[in-house]
Amino acid sequence: MNPFAGKDNISLLITDSGLGGLSVCADIVQNMNRYRSFKNVKLTYFNAWPEQYRGYNLLPDMAERIRVFDRALIGMERFKPDLIMIACNTLSTLYPQTAFSRSAAIPVIDIIDFGVEMIYQELVSQPDSRAIILGTPTTIEANTHKTGLTEKGIRAERVILQSCDQLAGEIEKNPDSETVRNMIDRYVSQAALKAGDRKRPLLAAFCCTHYGYSHVIFKEILERTFAGPVTILNPNQAMGNCLFPDGRQETDDVHVDLEVVSKIIWSDEKIVSISKALETISPETADALKHYRHDPELFTF
């Protein structure tokens, strides 16, 4: 699938429920500038968080989550993207069940496929290893990663599911806070009890786009908890590289017009925290977050 074939001017929309997917956006902007595969890029980061104080994990059931995300997808159409990238594991689990997915004229790719393939390759290359899937309650409840891995021939007992309730929201406030550290410690300890032998090689998969912001804390706690070698897998990076398979430089220059739009208002605390985490990768993405456009009518449901 290449919706950009033969195009110099492209429109790309990246969506997440919150600020985690901005790390994917930052990688893509960095790669746009590095490889210069296109002349003009209209890039929209669409925050699909539905209500000011209630995200998808707090909606009453799966049917309501699907319905709300379906309406968000309809809201994305008015940006006329050539491609929609779902940089969110929670929303990726919902997408195949939406009405939009059955009739969409716009190509859509989601992050789960990248995660499943990344985890699969490592499990195959390290036959004694196990993988911990770290994700939101909705992602873990959907069980999409484990199902995808078992369909590829991985034994179910090699895949451990660990829900990290409310961790993403705390990471948005401050990825390095003591609250985040304590939550990661608690969830890793819970996963360790399920894992059994702590001397075997371990793969820890970030199946929430927010978790990479707290990579250092995760690494420290995982390596302290498990005696065997630990490999951290972050599908964000694979998704950020997917539009540049051969790394060729094709134009003299590229112009990226990046806009961040949100139905809800982000606190100054979150904007400062996440823009700081992004600025070394892509100053343009950090700046776009600082100047995001608040649109209460971004989508309705």
Protein backbone atom coordinates (compact mmCIF):
# COMPACT_ATOMS: atom_id res chain seq x y z
CA MET A 1 0.00 0.00 0.00
CA ASN A 2 1.46 3.29 -1.13
CA PRO A 3 -1.09 6.13 -1.25
CA PHE A 4 1.72 8.58 -2.00
CA ALA A 5 3.03 6.91 -5.16
CA GLY A 6 4.05 9.50 -7.70
CA LYS A 7 3.03 12.43 -5.49
CA ASP A 8 5.15 15.42 -4.55
CA ASN A 9 2.40 17.03 -2.45
CA ILE A 10 0.77 14.87 0.20
CA SER A 11 -1.69 15.16 3.08
CA LEU A 12 -1.18 12.94 6.11
CA LEU A 13 -3.29 12.67 9.27
CA ILE A 14 -2.01 11.07 12.48
CA THR A 15 -4.49 10.37 15.25
CA ASP A 16 -4.29 9.30 18.88
CA SER A 17 -6.39 9.69 22.00
CA GLY A 18 -4.06 12.06 23.79
CA LEU A 19 -0.42 13.04 23.34
CA GLY A 20 1.34 9.68 22.95
CA GLY A 21 1.11 9.58 19.16
CA LEU A 22 2.98 12.87 18.93
CA SER A 23 6.15 10.82 19.37
CA VAL A 24 5.26 9.04 16.11
CA CYS A 25 4.50 12.42 14.55
CA ALA A 26 7.88 13.75 15.67
CA ASP A 27 9.68 10.76 14.10
CA ILE A 28 7.80 11.28 10.84
CA VAL A 29 8.61 14.99 10.70
CA GLN A 30 12.26 14.23 11.43
CA ASN A 31 12.28 11.66 8.61
CA MET A 32 10.49 14.05 6.23
CA ASN A 33 13.32 16.53 6.73
CA ARG A 34 16.02 13.88 6.56
CA TYR A 35 14.92 11.98 3.47
CA ARG A 36 13.04 14.75 1.59
CA SER A 37 10.86 12.24 -0.22
CA PHE A 38 8.11 14.84 -0.82
CA LYS A 39 8.06 18.55 -1.65
CA ASN A 40 5.02 19.67 0.34
CA VAL A 41 3.50 17.83 3.28
CA LYS A 42 0.28 18.84 5.02
CA LEU A 43 0.44 16.98 8.31
CA THR A 44 -2.42 17.04 10.83
CA TYR A 45 -2.25 15.59 14.33
CA PHE A 46 -5.86 14.90 15.31
CA ASN A 47 -6.51 14.33 19.01
CA ALA A 48 -9.47 11.94 19.13
CA TRP A 49 -9.98 12.30 22.91
CA PRO A 50 -13.78 12.70 23.14
CA GLU A 51 -14.55 14.70 26.31
CA GLN A 52 -12.57 16.98 28.59
CA TYR A 53 -12.52 14.66 31.57
CA ARG A 54 -13.38 11.32 30.00
CA GLY A 55 -11.32 9.32 27.52
CA TYR A 56 -12.09 6.02 25.80
CA ASN A 57 -11.09 3.84 28.74
CA LEU A 58 -13.74 5.57 30.87
CA LEU A 59 -16.58 5.10 28.37
CA PRO A 60 -19.09 2.52 29.65
CA ASP A 61 -18.39 -0.36 27.28
CA MET A 62 -16.70 -1.46 24.06
CA ALA A 63 -19.74 -0.66 21.93
CA GLU A 64 -19.70 2.97 23.07
CA ARG A 65 -15.95 3.26 22.48
CA ILE A 66 -16.42 1.98 18.94
CA ARG A 67 -19.32 4.36 18.29
CA VAL A 68 -17.40 7.41 19.54
CA PHE A 69 -14.25 6.60 17.57
CA ASP A 70 -16.36 6.02 14.47
CA ARG A 71 -17.62 9.59 14.80
CA ALA A 72 -14.06 10.85 15.27
CA LEU A 73 -13.02 9.11 12.04
CA ILE A 74 -15.83 10.87 10.21
CA GLY A 75 -14.48 14.15 11.61
CA MET A 76 -11.07 13.33 10.12
CA GLU A 77 -12.48 13.16 6.58
CA ARG A 78 -12.82 16.94 6.29
CA PHE A 79 -9.02 17.26 6.43
CA LYS A 80 -8.91 15.29 3.16
CA PRO A 81 -5.86 13.18 4.04
CA ASP A 82 -4.24 10.77 1.59
CA LEU A 83 -3.59 8.48 4.56
CA ILE A 84 -4.78 8.15 8.16
CA MET A 85 -2.29 6.70 10.65
CA ILE A 86 -3.76 5.50 13.95
CA ALA A 87 -0.84 6.06 16.33
CA CYS A 88 -2.72 4.63 19.30
CA ASN A 89 -3.09 1.01 20.39
CA THR A 90 -6.44 1.61 22.09
CA LEU A 91 -7.96 3.19 18.98
CA SER A 92 -6.32 0.57 16.75
CA THR A 93 -8.19 -2.19 18.61
CA LEU A 94 -11.45 -0.33 17.96
CA TYR A 95 -10.92 0.53 14.30
CA PRO A 96 -11.81 -2.82 12.63
CA GLN A 97 -15.19 -2.75 14.38
CA THR A 98 -16.16 0.75 13.23
CA ALA A 99 -18.60 1.41 10.39
CA PHE A 100 -15.94 3.72 8.90
CA SER A 101 -13.57 0.78 8.42
CA ARG A 102 -16.09 -1.01 6.21
CA SER A 103 -16.62 1.87 3.79
CA ALA A 104 -13.58 4.15 4.08
CA ALA A 105 -12.33 5.73 0.88
CA ILE A 106 -9.17 6.85 2.72
CA PRO A 107 -6.42 4.28 3.41
CA VAL A 108 -5.88 3.64 7.13
CA ILE A 109 -2.96 1.96 8.89
CA ASP A 110 -2.72 1.29 12.61
CA ILE A 111 0.08 0.72 15.07
CA ILE A 112 -0.93 -2.77 16.20
CA ASP A 113 0.38 -4.45 13.04
CA PHE A 114 3.78 -2.85 13.66
CA GLY A 115 3.77 -4.01 17.27
CA VAL A 116 2.74 -7.59 16.51
CA GLU A 117 5.41 -7.93 13.82
CA MET A 118 8.12 -6.42 16.04
CA ILE A 119 7.25 -8.72 18.97
CA TYR A 120 6.98 -11.75 16.70
CA GLN A 121 10.42 -11.24 15.17
CA GLU A 122 12.03 -10.95 18.60
CA LEU A 123 10.21 -13.99 20.00
CA VAL A 124 11.40 -16.03 17.03
CA SER A 125 14.98 -14.81 17.34
CA GLN A 126 15.00 -15.46 21.11
CA PRO A 127 13.20 -18.82 21.46
CA ASP A 128 13.59 -18.92 25.27
CA SER A 129 12.07 -15.48 25.74
CA ARG A 130 8.67 -14.30 26.84
CA ALA A 131 6.92 -11.05 25.95
CA ILE A 132 5.02 -8.74 28.26
CA ILE A 133 2.37 -6.67 26.49
CA LEU A 134 2.09 -3.39 28.41
CA GLY A 135 -1.01 -1.39 27.50
CA THR A 136 -4.18 0.41 28.53
CA PRO A 137 -7.18 -1.54 29.87
CA THR A 138 -8.93 -1.31 26.48
CA THR A 139 -5.87 -2.62 24.61
CA ILE A 140 -5.39 -5.50 27.04
CA GLU A 141 -9.11 -6.34 27.08
CA ALA A 142 -9.18 -6.51 23.27
CA ASN A 143 -6.30 -9.06 23.33
CA THR A 144 -5.40 -8.15 19.74
CA HIS A 145 -1.62 -8.43 20.14
CA LYS A 146 -1.72 -11.87 21.74
CA THR A 147 -4.21 -13.14 19.18
CA GLY A 148 -2.02 -11.88 16.34
CA LEU A 149 1.04 -13.56 17.81
CA THR A 150 -0.66 -16.93 18.39
CA GLU A 151 -2.00 -16.84 14.84
CA LYS A 152 1.63 -16.53 13.71
CA GLY A 153 2.50 -19.67 15.69
CA ILE A 154 3.72 -18.23 19.00
CA ARG A 155 2.66 -20.31 22.00
CA ALA A 156 0.14 -18.43 24.15
CA GLU A 157 2.09 -19.01 27.37
CA ARG A 158 4.98 -16.94 25.98
CA VAL A 159 2.79 -13.81 25.89
CA ILE A 160 1.90 -12.07 29.17
CA LEU A 161 -0.72 -9.32 29.26
CA GLN A 162 -0.35 -6.42 31.69
CA SER A 163 -2.87 -3.61 31.98
CA CYS A 164 -1.43 -0.28 33.15
CA ASP A 165 -4.54 1.61 34.15
CA GLN A 166 -4.23 5.44 34.13
CA LEU A 167 -0.48 5.35 33.46
CA ALA A 168 -0.76 7.19 30.13
CA GLY A 169 -2.52 10.13 31.76
CA GLU A 170 0.15 10.45 34.43
CA ILE A 171 2.91 10.25 31.81
CA GLU A 172 1.32 13.18 29.98
CA LYS A 173 1.62 15.28 33.14
CA ASN A 174 5.26 14.38 33.72
CA PRO A 175 6.98 11.28 32.26
CA ASP A 176 9.65 11.39 35.00
CA SER A 177 7.45 11.96 38.04
CA GLU A 178 7.51 9.89 41.20
CA THR A 179 3.87 8.96 40.54
CA VAL A 180 4.81 7.51 37.16
CA ARG A 181 7.75 5.65 38.70
CA ASN A 182 5.54 4.12 41.40
CA MET A 183 2.89 3.07 38.87
CA ILE A 184 5.46 1.45 36.57
CA ASP A 185 6.99 -0.35 39.54
CA ARG A 186 3.58 -1.70 40.53
CA TYR A 187 2.62 -2.87 37.05
CA VAL A 188 6.00 -4.45 36.34
CA SER A 189 5.79 -6.30 39.67
CA GLN A 190 2.34 -7.60 38.71
CA ALA A 191 3.67 -8.77 35.35
CA ALA A 192 6.63 -10.48 37.05
CA LEU A 193 4.27 -12.58 39.16
CA LYS A 194 2.59 -13.82 35.98
CA ALA A 195 5.91 -14.42 34.22
CA GLY A 196 7.36 -16.96 36.64
CA ASP A 197 11.05 -17.65 36.01
CA ARG A 198 12.74 -14.25 36.08
CA LYS A 199 16.01 -15.52 34.63
CA ARG A 200 14.62 -16.13 31.14
CA PRO A 201 15.05 -13.45 28.46
CA LEU A 202 12.24 -10.89 28.55
CA LEU A 203 10.70 -8.69 25.87
CA ALA A 204 8.77 -5.69 27.19
CA ALA A 205 6.51 -4.24 24.50
CA PHE A 206 5.23 -0.68 24.78
CA CYS A 207 1.71 -1.22 23.45
CA CYS A 208 0.68 2.29 24.36
CA THR A 209 2.28 5.16 22.46
CA HIS A 210 2.76 7.15 25.69
CA TYR A 211 5.11 4.68 27.35
CA GLY A 212 8.18 5.60 25.32
CA TYR A 213 8.27 8.98 27.07
CA SER A 214 9.15 7.08 30.27
CA HIS A 215 11.59 4.66 28.62
CA VAL A 216 14.38 5.31 31.14
CA ILE A 217 12.18 4.50 34.13
CA PHE A 218 10.77 1.38 32.47
CA LYS A 219 14.27 0.16 31.63
CA GLU A 220 15.56 0.72 35.15
CA ILE A 221 12.63 -1.07 36.83
CA LEU A 222 12.48 -3.95 34.35
CA GLU A 223 16.20 -4.65 34.66
CA ARG A 224 15.94 -4.50 38.45
CA THR A 225 12.94 -6.85 38.53
CA PHE A 226 14.11 -9.46 36.03
CA ALA A 227 17.45 -11.28 36.32
CA GLY A 228 17.64 -12.25 32.67
CA PRO A 229 18.28 -9.96 29.68
CA VAL A 230 15.55 -7.41 28.96
CA THR A 231 14.72 -6.04 25.51
CA ILE A 232 12.34 -3.09 25.24
CA LEU A 233 10.24 -2.91 22.07
CA ASN A 234 8.66 0.36 20.97
CA PRO A 235 6.40 0.09 17.88
CA ASN A 236 6.27 3.90 17.66
CA GLN A 237 9.65 3.88 15.96
CA ALA A 238 8.60 1.29 13.38
CA MET A 239 5.50 3.29 12.51
CA GLY A 240 7.54 6.49 12.29
CA ASN A 241 9.85 4.87 9.74
CA CYS A 242 7.25 3.10 7.60
CA LEU A 243 6.82 5.88 5.04
CA PHE A 244 10.54 5.83 4.22
CA PRO A 245 11.36 2.21 3.38
CA ASP A 246 14.44 2.90 1.27
CA GLY A 247 15.68 6.12 2.88
CA ARG A 248 16.29 7.83 -0.47
CA GLN A 249 16.59 11.60 -0.75
CA GLU A 250 14.48 12.67 -3.71
CA THR A 251 13.98 16.46 -3.50
CA ASP A 252 16.19 19.42 -2.73
CA ASP A 253 13.89 20.65 0.02
CA VAL A 254 10.64 19.80 1.78
CA HIS A 255 8.00 22.02 3.34
CA VAL A 256 6.04 20.49 6.22
CA ASP A 257 2.88 22.30 7.29
CA LEU A 258 2.10 20.74 10.69
CA GLU A 259 -1.01 21.45 12.74
CA VAL A 260 -2.13 19.89 16.03
CA VAL A 261 -5.90 19.99 16.62
CA SER A 262 -7.86 18.92 19.69
CA LYS A 263 -11.49 18.82 20.79
CA ILE A 264 -10.40 19.19 24.41
CA ILE A 265 -8.13 21.68 26.15
CA TRP A 266 -4.74 20.41 27.28
CA SER A 267 -3.31 21.79 30.52
CA ASP A 268 -0.18 23.92 30.41
CA GLU A 269 1.47 21.21 32.54
CA LYS A 270 0.94 18.58 29.84
CA ILE A 271 1.98 20.85 26.98
CA VAL A 272 5.23 21.83 28.70
CA SER A 273 5.98 18.23 29.68
CA ILE A 274 5.42 16.60 26.30
CA SER A 275 6.86 19.41 24.18
CA LYS A 276 10.05 19.12 26.22
CA ALA A 277 10.17 15.38 25.46
CA LEU A 278 9.65 16.04 21.72
CA GLU A 279 11.93 18.99 21.05
CA THR A 280 15.18 17.03 20.67
CA ILE A 281 13.55 14.81 18.00
CA SER A 282 11.46 17.41 16.20
CA PRO A 283 11.37 21.06 17.33
CA GLU A 284 8.59 21.62 14.77
CA THR A 285 6.36 19.07 16.49
CA ALA A 286 7.08 20.53 19.93
CA ASP A 287 6.22 24.01 18.62
CA ALA A 288 3.01 22.78 16.94
CA LEU A 289 1.88 21.33 20.27
CA LYS A 290 2.56 24.62 22.05
CA HIS A 291 0.38 26.37 19.43
CA TYR A 292 -2.28 23.67 18.99
CA ARG A 293 -5.75 24.63 17.79
CA HIS A 294 -8.62 23.95 20.17
CA ASP A 295 -11.78 23.06 18.24
CA PRO A 296 -14.76 21.95 20.39
CA GLU A 297 -16.55 20.91 17.17
CA LEU A 298 -13.69 18.79 15.86
CA PHE A 299 -16.09 15.86 15.88
CA THR A 300 -19.50 15.20 17.39
CA PHE A 301 -21.00 12.06 18.85
